[in-house]
Protein backbone atom coordinates (compact mmCIF):
# COMPACT_ATOMS: atom_id res chain seq x y z
CA CYS A 1 3.07 31.34 -17.69
CA THR A 2 3.78 27.66 -17.00
CA ALA A 3 4.73 25.20 -19.72
CA PRO A 4 1.31 23.46 -19.65
CA ALA A 5 -0.45 26.84 -19.83
CA ALA A 6 1.77 27.92 -22.71
CA THR A 7 0.89 24.74 -24.58
CA LEU A 8 -2.83 25.32 -24.04
CA ALA A 9 -2.49 28.95 -25.14
CA ARG A 10 -0.60 27.88 -28.27
CA LEU A 11 -3.52 25.57 -29.07
CA GLN A 12 -5.83 28.58 -28.58
CA LEU A 13 -7.67 26.93 -25.70
CA PRO A 14 -9.19 29.19 -23.05
CA LEU A 15 -7.15 29.73 -19.91
CA SER A 16 -8.36 30.71 -16.46
CA ARG A 17 -7.33 30.37 -12.85
CA LEU A 18 -8.72 27.77 -10.50
CA LYS A 19 -9.45 28.54 -6.88
CA THR A 20 -8.21 25.57 -4.92
CA GLY A 21 -8.00 26.97 -1.41
CA THR A 22 -4.39 25.83 -1.30
CA PRO A 23 -2.20 28.15 0.75
CA PRO A 24 0.76 29.73 -1.03
CA ARG A 25 4.12 27.98 -0.93
CA LEU A 26 6.71 30.21 0.70
CA ASP A 27 10.48 29.97 0.72
CA GLY A 28 11.22 29.41 4.42
CA THR A 29 14.66 30.98 4.09
CA THR A 30 12.98 34.36 3.41
CA ILE A 31 10.84 34.38 6.58
CA ASP A 32 11.82 35.90 9.94
CA PHE A 33 10.22 33.18 12.10
CA ALA A 34 11.43 34.90 15.31
CA SER A 35 8.90 37.69 14.68
CA LEU A 36 5.98 35.27 14.24
CA GLU A 37 3.78 33.42 16.74
CA PRO A 38 4.60 29.69 16.70
CA GLN A 39 1.76 27.16 16.48
CA PRO A 40 3.28 23.71 17.07
CA SER A 41 1.56 20.44 16.17
CA GLU A 42 -0.41 18.52 18.76
CA GLU A 43 1.48 16.13 21.01
CA PRO A 44 1.01 13.42 20.13
CA PRO A 45 0.10 14.31 16.53
CA LEU A 46 -3.51 13.49 15.65
CA PRO A 47 -4.34 11.86 12.29
CA PHE A 48 -6.87 13.60 10.03
CA SER A 49 -8.82 10.48 9.12
CA TYR A 50 -11.11 8.53 11.43
CA MET A 51 -9.85 5.45 9.55
CA ASN A 52 -6.49 6.00 11.25
CA GLU A 53 -8.04 6.34 14.74
CA GLY A 54 -5.67 5.06 17.38
CA GLY A 55 -2.90 4.83 14.80
CA GLN A 56 0.16 6.93 14.43
CA VAL A 57 0.69 9.79 12.03
CA ALA A 58 3.02 8.84 9.19
CA GLN A 59 6.30 10.75 9.36
CA ALA A 60 5.29 12.39 12.66
CA SER A 61 8.95 12.99 13.42
CA ARG A 62 9.18 15.28 10.36
CA LEU A 63 6.35 17.64 11.38
CA ILE A 64 7.26 21.30 11.56
CA SER A 65 5.57 24.09 13.48
CA CYS A 66 3.25 26.51 11.79
CA HIS A 67 3.58 30.21 12.52
CA LYS A 68 0.84 32.81 12.70
CA THR A 69 1.10 36.31 11.30
CA TYR A 70 -1.41 39.12 11.11
CA THR A 71 -2.61 41.55 8.49
CA ASN A 72 -3.09 45.29 8.82
CA ALA A 73 -4.90 48.10 7.03
CA ARG A 74 -2.19 48.35 4.34
CA THR A 75 -2.47 44.60 3.61
CA HIS A 76 -6.27 44.87 3.35
CA ALA A 77 -5.92 47.79 0.94
CA ILE A 78 -3.56 45.80 -1.32
CA VAL A 79 -5.97 42.85 -1.37
CA ALA A 80 -8.98 45.08 -2.05
CA ALA A 81 -7.17 46.86 -4.88
CA ASN A 82 -6.37 43.52 -6.52
CA ALA A 83 -9.58 41.62 -5.74
CA HIS A 84 -10.51 41.71 -9.43
CA GLN A 85 -7.57 39.37 -10.11
CA LEU A 86 -8.79 36.69 -7.69
CA PRO A 87 -10.48 33.62 -9.13
CA ALA A 88 -14.07 33.14 -8.02
CA TYR A 89 -15.73 29.99 -6.79
CA GLU A 90 -18.41 28.76 -9.14
CA SER A 91 -21.41 26.95 -7.74
């Protein structure tokens, strides 16, 4: 439990998880990138915002490649077995 969550729990406030859609942060030193499919950035890099159209991407020289991996039946079984722990979107 994080320090902010511990403080809220100590105050007896309800705790729950938020679903943000943010991908997990992984320690790159623990990944075998040679076994993954590289997905480099566009050349030249394209900005996300139309307000930056024709402009350059800030820190373009620091971009790193993404890498694609795949799931399998075992991965799907683990996710299905733990689906009850996933936060749900509320409308």
